Amino acid sequence: GRIHATNNEFQRYGPKGFMEIKILENDNLYVRVDLPGVPDDGVRHRVDSVRQKVVFFSCEETLSDGDDKKNAREYAGTAGLGCDCCEITGVDAKMKDGMLRMIVSRGQQVYSLFPSQQRYNMDEPALNMAKAVEDHPFVVKGPKRSENSVQRRGDGSVWVSFDLPGVCGDDILVLPNENEVKFYGENKGVYEHDESCRIFMGAVNGA
């Protein structure tokens, strides 16, 4: 019985985890980090002085009019080389739709790349009903857990927000039905190094 990815309760398909790491055919490294809510121009990165780590950090996430300001998140983290016999020679980073993607080039053979602050198991199943949604390891301000926000307003309406990293607004389908609102999101513009798209779906009871 598997129902959702441990990083997001609404993810039903696609690459799992807050961070994904892949060695490319040209020996560069592909790193994908979920930073939901952060604008496309809201992330900075640098290589540390010994050229062993990529440091990334964000500005405060952009909130919609109905969101509580106390829920604004900021992120910071590092991805370091798994050995000290090589160095990072370049980083090509792109932030889009709440997802940071980096191509990290290196000077010599590198055996692994591990994020700091996070347990990372490449053999862990993508979906596991027995696990609760995990805290985001790179959140330094604001809520650490990727959960939906539901706020009931005085006029009887309900404000809801969800993390759907990688999905742009045009690719989200909302289906109201009596006292329930269903939603479906898919990142149709799959990046060349991603194994597949991501699909999110869920429902909110407005009763």
Protein backbone atom coordinates (compact mmCIF):
# COMPACT_ATOMS: atom_id res chain seq x y z
CA GLY A 1 0.00 0.00 0.00
CA ARG A 2 1.83 3.11 -1.25
CA ILE A 3 -0.01 6.39 -1.55
CA HIS A 4 2.32 9.38 -1.66
CA ALA A 5 5.91 10.60 -1.77
CA THR A 6 7.30 11.35 1.68
CA ASN A 7 8.29 14.88 0.62
CA ASN A 8 4.77 15.83 -0.52
CA GLU A 9 1.47 14.18 0.37
CA PHE A 10 -0.09 15.15 -2.96
CA GLN A 11 2.66 13.82 -5.26
CA ARG A 12 1.50 10.67 -7.03
CA TYR A 13 4.11 10.25 -9.74
CA GLY A 14 7.61 11.35 -10.71
CA PRO A 15 11.00 12.05 -9.09
CA LYS A 16 10.76 11.99 -5.31
CA GLY A 17 12.59 13.75 -2.53
CA PHE A 18 13.51 17.34 -1.74
CA MET A 19 16.80 16.84 -3.61
CA GLU A 20 17.75 14.64 -6.54
CA ILE A 21 21.32 13.91 -7.65
CA LYS A 22 22.43 12.31 -10.88
CA ILE A 23 25.78 11.71 -12.61
CA LEU A 24 25.45 12.58 -16.30
CA GLU A 25 27.12 10.86 -19.24
CA ASN A 26 29.60 13.73 -19.62
CA ASP A 27 30.60 13.23 -15.94
CA ASN A 28 28.90 16.42 -14.78
CA LEU A 29 26.48 16.28 -11.88
CA TYR A 30 22.80 17.19 -12.06
CA VAL A 31 21.23 18.48 -8.84
CA ARG A 32 17.53 19.22 -8.40
CA VAL A 33 16.28 20.96 -5.22
CA ASP A 34 12.65 21.71 -4.36
CA LEU A 35 12.25 25.30 -3.09
CA PRO A 36 8.47 25.82 -3.29
CA GLY A 37 7.23 29.39 -3.17
CA VAL A 38 10.54 31.00 -4.15
CA PRO A 39 10.34 33.29 -7.21
CA ASP A 40 12.40 32.47 -10.29
CA ASP A 41 14.88 35.25 -9.50
CA GLY A 42 14.95 34.56 -5.75
CA VAL A 43 17.90 32.15 -5.39
CA ARG A 44 21.63 32.80 -5.18
CA HIS A 45 24.47 30.31 -5.16
CA ARG A 46 28.24 30.23 -4.77
CA VAL A 47 31.08 27.74 -4.54
CA ASP A 48 32.92 27.64 -1.22
CA SER A 49 36.57 28.67 -0.87
CA VAL A 50 37.97 25.15 -1.26
CA ARG A 51 35.63 24.43 -4.18
CA GLN A 52 34.11 21.42 -2.47
CA LYS A 53 30.54 22.66 -1.89
CA VAL A 54 27.81 24.54 -3.70
CA VAL A 55 26.04 26.88 -1.28
CA PHE A 56 22.51 28.02 -2.21
CA PHE A 57 20.15 30.38 -0.41
CA SER A 58 16.88 32.09 -1.21
CA CYS A 59 15.06 35.29 -0.48
CA GLU A 60 11.71 35.09 1.28
CA GLU A 61 9.11 33.24 -0.74
CA THR A 62 6.43 35.18 -2.61
CA LEU A 63 3.03 34.85 -0.93
CA SER A 64 -0.41 35.27 -2.46
CA ASP A 65 -2.84 37.82 -1.04
CA GLY A 66 -4.59 35.24 1.15
CA ASP A 67 -1.48 33.72 2.71
CA ASP A 68 -0.41 34.48 6.27
CA LYS A 69 2.92 36.33 6.29
CA LYS A 70 4.17 34.19 9.16
CA ASN A 71 4.18 31.25 6.73
CA ALA A 72 6.75 32.87 4.42
CA ARG A 73 9.74 30.56 4.02
CA GLU A 74 13.42 31.06 3.34
CA TYR A 75 15.82 28.32 2.31
CA ALA A 76 19.56 27.67 2.61
CA GLY A 77 21.68 24.58 2.13
CA THR A 78 24.76 23.07 0.57
CA ALA A 79 25.63 20.19 -1.72
CA GLY A 80 29.18 18.95 -1.20
CA LEU A 81 31.43 16.61 -3.14
CA GLY A 82 31.85 13.21 -1.50
CA CYS A 83 35.65 13.24 -1.71
CA ASP A 84 38.50 15.74 -1.31
CA CYS A 85 40.48 14.68 -4.39
CA CYS A 86 38.61 16.93 -6.81
CA GLU A 87 37.08 20.38 -7.06
CA ILE A 88 34.05 22.07 -8.53
CA THR A 89 34.95 23.87 -11.75
CA GLY A 90 31.59 25.42 -12.57
CA VAL A 91 27.90 25.65 -11.71
CA ASP A 92 25.07 26.37 -14.13
CA ALA A 93 21.96 27.09 -12.04
CA LYS A 94 18.36 27.74 -13.07
CA MET A 95 15.38 28.44 -10.80
CA LYS A 96 11.91 27.84 -12.24
CA ASP A 97 8.47 27.20 -10.72
CA GLY A 98 9.77 26.47 -7.22
CA MET A 99 12.56 24.17 -8.34
CA LEU A 100 16.32 24.84 -8.45
CA ARG A 101 18.29 22.85 -11.02
CA MET A 102 22.09 22.91 -11.17
CA ILE A 103 24.64 21.35 -13.49
CA VAL A 104 27.85 21.00 -11.46
CA SER A 105 31.06 20.38 -13.40
CA ARG A 106 34.08 18.90 -11.64
CA GLY A 107 37.78 18.56 -12.26
CA GLN A 108 38.38 14.91 -11.37
CA GLN A 109 36.49 11.71 -10.67
CA VAL A 110 33.83 12.20 -8.01
CA TYR A 111 32.15 9.23 -6.40
CA SER A 112 29.19 10.90 -4.76
CA LEU A 113 27.46 14.17 -4.02
CA PHE A 114 25.51 14.43 -0.77
CA PRO A 115 23.41 17.32 0.52
CA SER A 116 24.21 18.59 3.97
CA GLN A 117 21.46 18.71 6.62
CA GLN A 118 19.58 15.82 5.00
CA ARG A 119 19.34 12.04 5.15
CA TYR A 120 19.47 10.85 1.56
CA ASN A 121 18.94 7.26 0.51
CA MET A 122 18.94 6.65 -3.23
CA ASP A 123 17.45 3.16 -2.70
CA GLU A 124 14.45 4.37 -0.71
CA PRO A 125 11.09 3.69 -2.41
CA ALA A 126 9.40 6.71 -3.97
CA LEU A 127 6.13 6.09 -2.15
CA ASN A 128 5.53 4.71 1.30
CA MET A 129 2.21 4.77 3.10
CA ALA A 130 3.88 4.05 6.45
CA LYS A 131 5.80 7.34 6.43
CA ALA A 132 4.45 10.75 7.26
CA VAL A 133 5.37 13.80 5.22
CA GLU A 134 8.93 14.78 6.12
CA ASP A 135 10.26 18.19 7.11
CA HIS A 136 12.04 20.16 4.40
CA PRO A 137 15.76 19.99 5.32
CA PHE A 138 16.66 23.35 3.78
CA VAL A 139 14.01 25.62 5.33
CA VAL A 140 15.71 28.12 7.66
CA LYS A 141 12.65 30.31 8.26
CA GLY A 142 8.95 29.44 8.26
CA PRO A 143 7.10 26.10 8.20
CA LYS A 144 9.36 23.13 7.45
CA ARG A 145 6.66 20.73 6.38
CA SER A 146 5.12 20.72 2.91
CA GLU A 147 1.48 20.73 3.91
CA ASN A 148 -1.63 22.38 2.57
CA SER A 149 -2.84 25.62 4.09
CA VAL A 150 -6.60 25.96 4.57
CA GLN A 151 -8.09 29.19 5.95
CA ARG A 152 -11.80 29.84 6.31
CA ARG A 153 -12.83 33.45 5.74
CA GLY A 154 -15.60 35.48 7.29
CA ASP A 155 -17.58 35.61 4.05
CA GLY A 156 -17.88 31.81 3.99
CA SER A 157 -15.19 31.23 1.38
CA VAL A 158 -12.15 29.01 1.93
CA TRP A 159 -8.57 29.97 1.03
CA VAL A 160 -6.27 27.03 0.25
CA SER A 161 -2.67 26.74 -0.91
CA PHE A 162 -0.46 23.76 -1.75
CA ASP A 163 3.16 23.11 -2.66
CA LEU A 164 3.41 21.72 -6.20
CA PRO A 165 7.12 22.25 -7.01
CA GLY A 166 7.91 22.35 -10.71
CA VAL A 167 4.30 22.98 -11.79
CA CYS A 168 3.44 26.36 -13.30
CA GLY A 169 0.07 27.98 -12.77
CA ASP A 170 -1.12 27.20 -16.30
CA ASP A 171 -0.71 23.46 -15.69
CA ILE A 172 -3.00 23.25 -12.64
CA LEU A 173 -6.57 22.05 -13.11
CA VAL A 174 -9.16 22.87 -10.40
CA LEU A 175 -12.47 20.99 -10.37
CA PRO A 176 -15.15 22.21 -7.92
CA ASN A 177 -17.90 19.72 -7.12
CA GLU A 178 -20.52 20.50 -4.47
CA ASN A 179 -18.62 20.62 -1.13
CA GLU A 180 -15.34 19.32 -2.54
CA VAL A 181 -12.69 20.90 -4.72
CA LYS A 182 -10.30 18.59 -6.54
CA PHE A 183 -7.03 19.69 -8.12
CA TYR A 184 -4.53 18.18 -10.54
CA GLY A 185 -1.08 19.54 -11.39
CA GLU A 186 1.57 18.28 -13.81
CA ASN A 187 4.88 19.83 -14.84
CA LYS A 188 4.49 19.34 -18.58
CA GLY A 189 7.77 21.06 -19.43
CA VAL A 190 10.05 18.24 -18.26
CA TYR A 191 13.71 19.24 -17.96
CA GLU A 192 16.11 17.19 -20.08
CA HIS A 193 17.78 15.52 -17.07
CA ASP A 194 14.61 14.71 -15.13
CA GLU A 195 13.53 11.08 -15.37
CA SER A 196 9.88 12.05 -15.85
CA CYS A 197 7.25 14.63 -15.11
CA ARG A 198 5.71 15.04 -11.66
CA ILE A 199 1.99 14.63 -11.04
CA PHE A 200 0.15 16.01 -8.02
CA MET A 201 -3.49 15.50 -7.15
CA GLY A 202 -5.73 15.94 -4.15
CA ALA A 203 -8.98 17.32 -2.84
CA VAL A 204 -10.24 19.83 -0.27
CA ASN A 205 -13.52 19.47 1.56
CA GLY A 206 -15.18 22.87 1.82
CA ALA A 207 -18.00 21.79 4.09
